């Protein structure tokens, strides 16, 4: 069976598992430094999506529902202790829909859902699809988003390998259709970048409607990839929220 979960630093004595869901084109590397900057009672578990890392030979998903179902089946045995989800951008929607599926099918929810750099799911925005753009326009869009190093974008051979994976991830998000359901019972914390054009304060604030529990919103310095540039502030907020959740 495909394994979606990478334990960045196995910690069987941890009280809480924090599952981290990457942005489009991202992988477990995005969360490698987290193990050194979070409390020792947290075990950081990065989600590795098909098409990259250990799953390099598995074809990437292009639709959200089958992706979430596959992750749920895979992750279930590892939800045997208190857990929380963190997702950035694409990862925010994946972790949100996974939370809804786990509640519906198994009657379990995370201690806390952290969503980052992504507008609330009930807000639909008419945008042209990125995943169908011709390659030059596609690369220009990736440059604009500022999440792919220029050295990678300029390497034609490397991009030939990466482009289908990034396109598949964008397809997952761009073909996603939100379905109305009752709010979650776990607290939600939303994070946004002060210079991020992808998710405004108002669009992030709307996550409040998705929980019956407490909600908080924090705006951090940086663009869409503030999770790297403002990592220390982000991790401080996560660890503080989980410390309160587990009391």
C-alpha atoms as a PDB file:
ATOM      1  CA  UNK A   1       0.000   0.000   0.000  1.00  0.00           C
ATOM      2  CA  UNK A   2       1.210   3.495  -0.810  1.00  0.00           C
ATOM      3  CA  UNK A   3       2.407   5.344   2.274  1.00  0.00           C
ATOM      4  CA  UNK A   4       1.444   9.017   2.342  1.00  0.00           C
ATOM      5  CA  UNK A   5       2.997   9.763   5.746  1.00  0.00           C
ATOM      6  CA  UNK A   6       6.658  10.558   6.423  1.00  0.00           C
ATOM      7  CA  UNK A   7       7.719  10.777  10.067  1.00  0.00           C
ATOM      8  CA  UNK A   8      10.413  13.441   9.829  1.00  0.00           C
ATOM      9  CA  UNK A   9      11.841  12.460  13.224  1.00  0.00           C
ATOM     10  CA  UNK A  10      10.017   9.460  14.719  1.00  0.00           C
ATOM     11  CA  UNK A  11       8.954  10.243  18.270  1.00  0.00           C
ATOM     12  CA  UNK A  12       6.847   7.431  19.787  1.00  0.00           C
ATOM     13  CA  UNK A  13       6.632   9.280  23.127  1.00  0.00           C
ATOM     14  CA  UNK A  14       4.952  12.340  21.575  1.00  0.00           C
ATOM     15  CA  UNK A  15       1.504  13.322  22.898  1.00  0.00           C
ATOM     16  CA  UNK A  16       0.263  14.758  19.585  1.00  0.00           C
ATOM     17  CA  UNK A  17       0.892  14.031  15.918  1.00  0.00           C
ATOM     18  CA  UNK A  18       0.913  17.070  13.637  1.00  0.00           C
ATOM     19  CA  UNK A  19       0.167  16.062  10.036  1.00  0.00           C
ATOM     20  CA  UNK A  20       1.407  18.663   7.523  1.00  0.00           C
ATOM     21  CA  UNK A  21      -0.078  19.008   4.022  1.00  0.00           C
ATOM     22  CA  UNK A  22       2.019  20.772   1.345  1.00  0.00           C
ATOM     23  CA  UNK A  23       1.170  23.453  -1.190  1.00  0.00           C
ATOM     24  CA  UNK A  24       0.908  22.673  -4.934  1.00  0.00           C
ATOM     25  CA  UNK A  25       4.186  21.191  -6.116  1.00  0.00           C
ATOM     26  CA  UNK A  26       5.477  20.930  -2.552  1.00  0.00           C
ATOM     27  CA  UNK A  27       6.633  17.914  -0.577  1.00  0.00           C
ATOM     28  CA  UNK A  28       7.928  16.804   2.794  1.00  0.00           C
ATOM     29  CA  UNK A  29      10.983  19.056   2.382  1.00  0.00           C
ATOM     30  CA  UNK A  30       8.770  22.059   3.184  1.00  0.00           C
ATOM     31  CA  UNK A  31       8.458  20.815   6.780  1.00  0.00           C
ATOM     32  CA  UNK A  32      11.926  19.357   7.477  1.00  0.00           C
ATOM     33  CA  UNK A  33      13.040  22.237   9.686  1.00  0.00           C
ATOM     34  CA  UNK A  34       9.862  22.080  11.786  1.00  0.00           C
ATOM     35  CA  UNK A  35      11.057  19.166  13.936  1.00  0.00           C
ATOM     36  CA  UNK A  36      13.780  21.355  15.444  1.00  0.00           C
ATOM     37  CA  UNK A  37      11.461  24.271  16.210  1.00  0.00           C
ATOM     38  CA  UNK A  38       8.394  22.640  17.754  1.00  0.00           C
ATOM     39  CA  UNK A  39       7.971  21.214  21.284  1.00  0.00           C
ATOM     40  CA  UNK A  40       9.243  17.665  21.786  1.00  0.00           C
ATOM     41  CA  UNK A  41       5.735  16.404  22.621  1.00  0.00           C
ATOM     42  CA  UNK A  42       4.738  17.004  18.963  1.00  0.00           C
ATOM     43  CA  UNK A  43       5.563  14.454  16.276  1.00  0.00           C
ATOM     44  CA  UNK A  44       5.751  16.108  12.844  1.00  0.00           C
ATOM     45  CA  UNK A  45       4.299  13.887  10.117  1.00  0.00           C
ATOM     46  CA  UNK A  46       4.586  15.251   6.582  1.00  0.00           C
ATOM     47  CA  UNK A  47       2.167  14.136   3.881  1.00  0.00           C
ATOM     48  CA  UNK A  48       3.952  13.008   0.719  1.00  0.00           C
ATOM     49  CA  UNK A  49       1.622  13.200  -2.271  1.00  0.00           C
ATOM     50  CA  UNK A  50       2.007  10.843  -5.268  1.00  0.00           C
ATOM     51  CA  UNK A  51       4.468  11.912  -7.961  1.00  0.00           C
ATOM     52  CA  UNK A  52       7.260  13.058  -5.643  1.00  0.00           C
ATOM     53  CA  UNK A  53       9.720  11.820  -3.017  1.00  0.00           C
ATOM     54  CA  UNK A  54       9.047   8.243  -1.932  1.00  0.00           C
ATOM     55  CA  UNK A  55       5.962   8.278  -4.172  1.00  0.00           C
ATOM     56  CA  UNK A  56       7.815   9.413  -7.296  1.00  0.00           C
ATOM     57  CA  UNK A  57       6.577   6.393  -9.309  1.00  0.00           C
ATOM     58  CA  UNK A  58       2.900   6.845  -8.385  1.00  0.00           C
ATOM     59  CA  UNK A  59       0.842   9.004 -10.775  1.00  0.00           C
ATOM     60  CA  UNK A  60      -0.310  12.290  -9.189  1.00  0.00           C
ATOM     61  CA  UNK A  61      -3.990  12.843  -8.478  1.00  0.00           C
ATOM     62  CA  UNK A  62      -5.863  15.475 -10.499  1.00  0.00           C
ATOM     63  CA  UNK A  63      -9.086  15.548  -8.443  1.00  0.00           C
ATOM     64  CA  UNK A  64      -9.588  16.280  -4.778  1.00  0.00           C
ATOM     65  CA  UNK A  65     -12.150  13.660  -3.773  1.00  0.00           C
ATOM     66  CA  UNK A  66     -10.155  10.529  -4.751  1.00  0.00           C
ATOM     67  CA  UNK A  67      -7.003  12.103  -3.288  1.00  0.00           C
ATOM     68  CA  UNK A  68      -8.670  12.717   0.079  1.00  0.00           C
ATOM     69  CA  UNK A  69     -10.172   9.204   0.104  1.00  0.00           C
ATOM     70  CA  UNK A  70      -6.742   7.685  -0.571  1.00  0.00           C
ATOM     71  CA  UNK A  71      -5.108   9.733   2.204  1.00  0.00           C
ATOM     72  CA  UNK A  72      -7.894   8.817   4.669  1.00  0.00           C
ATOM     73  CA  UNK A  73      -7.485   5.078   4.063  1.00  0.00           C
ATOM     74  CA  UNK A  74      -3.724   5.422   4.478  1.00  0.00           C
ATOM     75  CA  UNK A  75      -3.620   7.725   7.488  1.00  0.00           C
ATOM     76  CA  UNK A  76      -6.320   6.061   9.590  1.00  0.00           C
ATOM     77  CA  UNK A  77      -4.068   3.598  11.497  1.00  0.00           C
ATOM     78  CA  UNK A  78      -1.856   6.562  12.466  1.00  0.00           C
ATOM     79  CA  UNK A  79      -4.685   8.470  14.135  1.00  0.00           C
ATOM     80  CA  UNK A  80      -4.396   6.325  17.274  1.00  0.00           C
ATOM     81  CA  UNK A  81      -3.338   9.301  19.424  1.00  0.00           C
ATOM     82  CA  UNK A  82      -4.445  12.966  19.505  1.00  0.00           C
ATOM     83  CA  UNK A  83      -3.619  14.647  16.200  1.00  0.00           C
ATOM     84  CA  UNK A  84      -3.798  17.985  14.412  1.00  0.00           C
ATOM     85  CA  UNK A  85      -3.686  19.026  10.758  1.00  0.00           C
ATOM     86  CA  UNK A  86      -1.760  21.881   9.136  1.00  0.00           C
ATOM     87  CA  UNK A  87      -2.224  22.661   5.448  1.00  0.00           C
ATOM     88  CA  UNK A  88      -0.843  25.501   3.348  1.00  0.00           C
ATOM     89  CA  UNK A  89      -2.622  26.708   0.181  1.00  0.00           C
ATOM     90  CA  UNK A  90      -3.640  23.488  -1.640  1.00  0.00           C
ATOM     91  CA  UNK A  91      -2.864  21.669   1.623  1.00  0.00           C
ATOM     92  CA  UNK A  92      -5.436  23.783   3.478  1.00  0.00           C
ATOM     93  CA  UNK A  93      -8.274  22.491   1.276  1.00  0.00           C
ATOM     94  CA  UNK A  94      -6.951  18.910   1.323  1.00  0.00           C
ATOM     95  CA  UNK A  95      -6.706  18.878   5.136  1.00  0.00           C
ATOM     96  CA  UNK A  96     -10.144  20.526   5.489  1.00  0.00           C
ATOM     97  CA  UNK A  97     -11.860  17.989   3.229  1.00  0.00           C
ATOM     98  CA  UNK A  98      -9.966  15.155   4.927  1.00  0.00           C
ATOM     99  CA  UNK A  99     -11.256  16.409   8.290  1.00  0.00           C
ATOM    100  CA  UNK A 100     -14.825  16.400   6.952  1.00  0.00           C
ATOM    101  CA  UNK A 101     -14.408  12.873   5.550  1.00  0.00           C
ATOM    102  CA  UNK A 102     -12.944  11.533   8.826  1.00  0.00           C
ATOM    103  CA  UNK A 103     -15.842  13.035  10.771  1.00  0.00           C
ATOM    104  CA  UNK A 104     -18.448  11.638   8.381  1.00  0.00           C
ATOM    105  CA  UNK A 105     -17.024   8.120   7.953  1.00  0.00           C
ATOM    106  CA  UNK A 106     -15.234   7.469  11.243  1.00  0.00           C
ATOM    107  CA  UNK A 107     -16.599   9.962  13.771  1.00  0.00           C
ATOM    108  CA  UNK A 108     -13.161  11.429  14.525  1.00  0.00           C
ATOM    109  CA  UNK A 109     -11.763  14.961  14.219  1.00  0.00           C
ATOM    110  CA  UNK A 110      -8.370  16.545  14.839  1.00  0.00           C
ATOM    111  CA  UNK A 111      -7.621  18.485  18.013  1.00  0.00           C
ATOM    112  CA  UNK A 112      -7.065  21.525  15.799  1.00  0.00           C
ATOM    113  CA  UNK A 113      -7.153  22.413  12.102  1.00  0.00           C
ATOM    114  CA  UNK A 114      -4.568  24.963  10.926  1.00  0.00           C
ATOM    115  CA  UNK A 115      -5.253  26.423   7.478  1.00  0.00           C
ATOM    116  CA  UNK A 116      -2.772  28.711   5.809  1.00  0.00           C
ATOM    117  CA  UNK A 117      -2.556  30.905   2.705  1.00  0.00           C
ATOM    118  CA  UNK A 118      -5.933  29.850   1.323  1.00  0.00           C
ATOM    119  CA  UNK A 119      -9.342  31.547   1.203  1.00  0.00           C
ATOM    120  CA  UNK A 120     -12.251  29.796   2.931  1.00  0.00           C
ATOM    121  CA  UNK A 121     -13.641  26.942   0.795  1.00  0.00           C
ATOM    122  CA  UNK A 122     -17.145  28.395   0.474  1.00  0.00           C
ATOM    123  CA  UNK A 123     -15.750  31.443  -1.356  1.00  0.00           C
ATOM    124  CA  UNK A 124     -15.573  30.761  -5.079  1.00  0.00           C
ATOM    125  CA  UNK A 125     -13.447  33.069  -7.178  1.00  0.00           C
ATOM    126  CA  UNK A 126     -13.676  33.161 -10.948  1.00  0.00           C
ATOM    127  CA  UNK A 127     -10.104  32.703 -12.087  1.00  0.00           C
ATOM    128  CA  UNK A 128      -8.631  31.275 -15.252  1.00  0.00           C
ATOM    129  CA  UNK A 129      -7.196  27.797 -14.791  1.00  0.00           C
ATOM    130  CA  UNK A 130      -3.442  27.586 -14.341  1.00  0.00           C
ATOM    131  CA  UNK A 131      -3.174  23.834 -14.925  1.00  0.00           C
ATOM    132  CA  UNK A 132      -4.264  24.120 -18.587  1.00  0.00           C
ATOM    133  CA  UNK A 133      -1.920  26.977 -19.570  1.00  0.00           C
ATOM    134  CA  UNK A 134       0.670  26.432 -22.326  1.00  0.00           C
ATOM    135  CA  UNK A 135       4.138  25.860 -20.853  1.00  0.00           C
ATOM    136  CA  UNK A 136       5.551  29.431 -21.254  1.00  0.00           C
ATOM    137  CA  UNK A 137       2.497  30.997 -19.557  1.00  0.00           C
ATOM    138  CA  UNK A 138       2.532  28.240 -16.929  1.00  0.00           C
ATOM    139  CA  UNK A 139       6.168  29.004 -16.055  1.00  0.00           C
ATOM    140  CA  UNK A 140       5.405  32.741 -15.962  1.00  0.00           C
ATOM    141  CA  UNK A 141       2.605  32.082 -13.474  1.00  0.00           C
ATOM    142  CA  UNK A 142       4.915  29.990 -11.269  1.00  0.00           C
ATOM    143  CA  UNK A 143       7.452  32.839 -11.338  1.00  0.00           C
ATOM    144  CA  UNK A 144       4.713  35.251 -10.285  1.00  0.00           C
ATOM    145  CA  UNK A 145       3.701  33.037  -7.349  1.00  0.00           C
ATOM    146  CA  UNK A 146       7.322  33.117  -6.189  1.00  0.00           C
ATOM    147  CA  UNK A 147       7.390  29.600  -4.723  1.00  0.00           C
ATOM    148  CA  UNK A 148       9.677  27.846  -7.215  1.00  0.00           C
ATOM    149  CA  UNK A 149      13.387  28.784  -7.206  1.00  0.00           C
ATOM    150  CA  UNK A 150      14.512  30.508 -10.406  1.00  0.00           C
ATOM    151  CA  UNK A 151      17.283  27.929 -10.829  1.00  0.00           C
ATOM    152  CA  UNK A 152      14.581  25.227 -11.006  1.00  0.00           C
ATOM    153  CA  UNK A 153      12.368  27.193 -13.417  1.00  0.00           C
ATOM    154  CA  UNK A 154      15.352  27.830 -15.691  1.00  0.00           C
ATOM    155  CA  UNK A 155      16.311  24.148 -15.783  1.00  0.00           C
ATOM    156  CA  UNK A 156      14.347  22.750 -18.756  1.00  0.00           C
ATOM    157  CA  UNK A 157      15.181  19.116 -17.930  1.00  0.00           C
ATOM    158  CA  UNK A 158      14.076  19.460 -14.307  1.00  0.00           C
ATOM    159  CA  UNK A 159      10.903  21.341 -15.236  1.00  0.00           C
ATOM    160  CA  UNK A 160      10.024  18.633 -17.741  1.00  0.00           C
ATOM    161  CA  UNK A 161       9.864  16.264 -14.772  1.00  0.00           C
ATOM    162  CA  UNK A 162       8.220  18.657 -12.293  1.00  0.00           C
ATOM    163  CA  UNK A 163       5.703  20.423 -14.526  1.00  0.00           C
ATOM    164  CA  UNK A 164       3.194  17.503 -14.776  1.00  0.00           C
ATOM    165  CA  UNK A 165       3.193  17.146 -10.961  1.00  0.00           C
ATOM    166  CA  UNK A 166       2.619  20.860 -10.346  1.00  0.00           C
ATOM    167  CA  UNK A 167      -0.089  20.951 -13.036  1.00  0.00           C
ATOM    168  CA  UNK A 168      -1.826  17.958 -11.430  1.00  0.00           C
ATOM    169  CA  UNK A 169      -1.811  19.738  -8.052  1.00  0.00           C
ATOM    170  CA  UNK A 170      -3.314  22.877  -9.584  1.00  0.00           C
ATOM    171  CA  UNK A 171      -5.953  20.694 -11.276  1.00  0.00           C
ATOM    172  CA  UNK A 172      -6.898  19.253  -7.846  1.00  0.00           C
ATOM    173  CA  UNK A 173      -7.594  22.736  -6.514  1.00  0.00           C
ATOM    174  CA  UNK A 174      -9.017  24.353  -9.642  1.00  0.00           C
ATOM    175  CA  UNK A 175     -11.608  21.624 -10.230  1.00  0.00           C
ATOM    176  CA  UNK A 176     -12.616  21.479  -6.533  1.00  0.00           C
ATOM    177  CA  UNK A 177     -16.291  22.196  -5.872  1.00  0.00           C
ATOM    178  CA  UNK A 178     -17.294  23.030  -2.306  1.00  0.00           C
ATOM    179  CA  UNK A 179     -20.324  21.192  -0.887  1.00  0.00           C
ATOM    180  CA  UNK A 180     -22.311  22.676   2.012  1.00  0.00           C
ATOM    181  CA  UNK A 181     -22.080  20.739   5.289  1.00  0.00           C
ATOM    182  CA  UNK A 182     -22.363  21.449   9.013  1.00  0.00           C
ATOM    183  CA  UNK A 183     -19.399  23.236  10.645  1.00  0.00           C
ATOM    184  CA  UNK A 184     -16.591  21.215  12.213  1.00  0.00           C
ATOM    185  CA  UNK A 185     -16.357  20.761  15.970  1.00  0.00           C
ATOM    186  CA  UNK A 186     -12.600  21.292  16.170  1.00  0.00           C
ATOM    187  CA  UNK A 187     -11.014  24.761  16.537  1.00  0.00           C
ATOM    188  CA  UNK A 188      -9.666  26.358  13.364  1.00  0.00           C
ATOM    189  CA  UNK A 189      -6.729  28.753  13.150  1.00  0.00           C
ATOM    190  CA  UNK A 190      -6.182  30.508   9.817  1.00  0.00           C
ATOM    191  CA  UNK A 191      -2.874  32.109   8.812  1.00  0.00           C
ATOM    192  CA  UNK A 192      -2.348  34.648   6.070  1.00  0.00           C
ATOM    193  CA  UNK A 193       0.536  36.597   4.570  1.00  0.00           C
ATOM    194  CA  UNK A 194       0.298  40.390   4.786  1.00  0.00           C
ATOM    195  CA  UNK A 195       1.707  40.678   1.250  1.00  0.00           C
ATOM    196  CA  UNK A 196      -0.093  37.633  -0.174  1.00  0.00           C
ATOM    197  CA  UNK A 197      -2.382  38.483  -3.125  1.00  0.00           C
ATOM    198  CA  UNK A 198      -3.801  34.927  -3.131  1.00  0.00           C
ATOM    199  CA  UNK A 199      -5.816  35.175   0.126  1.00  0.00           C
ATOM    200  CA  UNK A 200      -7.086  38.438   1.645  1.00  0.00           C
ATOM    201  CA  UNK A 201      -7.931  39.065   5.307  1.00  0.00           C
ATOM    202  CA  UNK A 202     -11.671  38.880   4.524  1.00  0.00           C
ATOM    203  CA  UNK A 203     -11.308  35.621   2.570  1.00  0.00           C
ATOM    204  CA  UNK A 204      -9.337  34.084   5.448  1.00  0.00           C
ATOM    205  CA  UNK A 205     -11.730  35.424   8.094  1.00  0.00           C
ATOM    206  CA  UNK A 206     -14.528  33.471   6.353  1.00  0.00           C
ATOM    207  CA  UNK A 207     -13.004  30.220   7.674  1.00  0.00           C
ATOM    208  CA  UNK A 208     -14.787  31.176  10.899  1.00  0.00           C
ATOM    209  CA  UNK A 209     -18.020  29.813   9.382  1.00  0.00           C
ATOM    210  CA  UNK A 210     -16.485  26.332   9.173  1.00  0.00           C
ATOM    211  CA  UNK A 211     -16.256  25.664  12.928  1.00  0.00           C
ATOM    212  CA  UNK A 212     -18.550  25.530  15.933  1.00  0.00           C
ATOM    213  CA  UNK A 213     -15.472  25.833  18.169  1.00  0.00           C
ATOM    214  CA  UNK A 214     -13.006  28.686  18.582  1.00  0.00           C
ATOM    215  CA  UNK A 215     -11.566  30.450  15.545  1.00  0.00           C
ATOM    216  CA  UNK A 216      -8.571  32.717  15.239  1.00  0.00           C
ATOM    217  CA  UNK A 217      -6.859  34.461  12.340  1.00  0.00           C
ATOM    218  CA  UNK A 218      -3.255  35.606  12.290  1.00  0.00           C
ATOM    219  CA  UNK A 219      -1.658  37.682   9.560  1.00  0.00           C
ATOM    220  CA  UNK A 220       2.098  37.176   9.260  1.00  0.00           C
ATOM    221  CA  UNK A 221       4.706  39.165   7.324  1.00  0.00           C
ATOM    222  CA  UNK A 222       5.426  37.831   3.846  1.00  0.00           C
ATOM    223  CA  UNK A 223       3.983  36.833   0.484  1.00  0.00           C
ATOM    224  CA  UNK A 224       2.171  33.578  -0.373  1.00  0.00           C
ATOM    225  CA  UNK A 225       5.090  31.563   0.981  1.00  0.00           C
ATOM    226  CA  UNK A 226       5.178  33.246   4.397  1.00  0.00           C
ATOM    227  CA  UNK A 227       5.219  29.761   5.969  1.00  0.00           C
ATOM    228  CA  UNK A 228       8.953  29.758   5.119  1.00  0.00           C
ATOM    229  CA  UNK A 229       9.848  33.423   5.635  1.00  0.00           C
ATOM    230  CA  UNK A 230       7.854  33.746   8.887  1.00  0.00           C
ATOM    231  CA  UNK A 231       8.388  30.149  10.019  1.00  0.00           C
ATOM    232  CA  UNK A 232       9.321  30.970  13.627  1.00  0.00           C
ATOM    233  CA  UNK A 233       6.191  33.063  14.199  1.00  0.00           C
ATOM    234  CA  UNK A 234       4.023  30.416  12.547  1.00  0.00           C
ATOM    235  CA  UNK A 235       5.448  27.551  14.613  1.00  0.00           C
ATOM    236  CA  UNK A 236       5.159  29.537  17.835  1.00  0.00           C
ATOM    237  CA  UNK A 237       1.432  30.039  17.155  1.00  0.00           C
ATOM    238  CA  UNK A 238       0.897  26.378  16.272  1.00  0.00           C
ATOM    239  CA  UNK A 239       2.683  25.070  19.357  1.00  0.00           C
ATOM    240  CA  UNK A 240       0.839  27.509  21.612  1.00  0.00           C
ATOM    241  CA  UNK A 241      -2.553  26.521  20.165  1.00  0.00           C
ATOM    242  CA  UNK A 242      -1.789  22.802  20.519  1.00  0.00           C
ATOM    243  CA  UNK A 243      -0.541  23.267  24.049  1.00  0.00           C
ATOM    244  CA  UNK A 244      -3.920  24.866  24.911  1.00  0.00           C
ATOM    245  CA  UNK A 245      -5.875  22.236  22.914  1.00  0.00           C
ATOM    246  CA  UNK A 246      -4.315  19.354  24.798  1.00  0.00           C
ATOM    247  CA  UNK A 247      -4.955  20.663  28.311  1.00  0.00           C
END
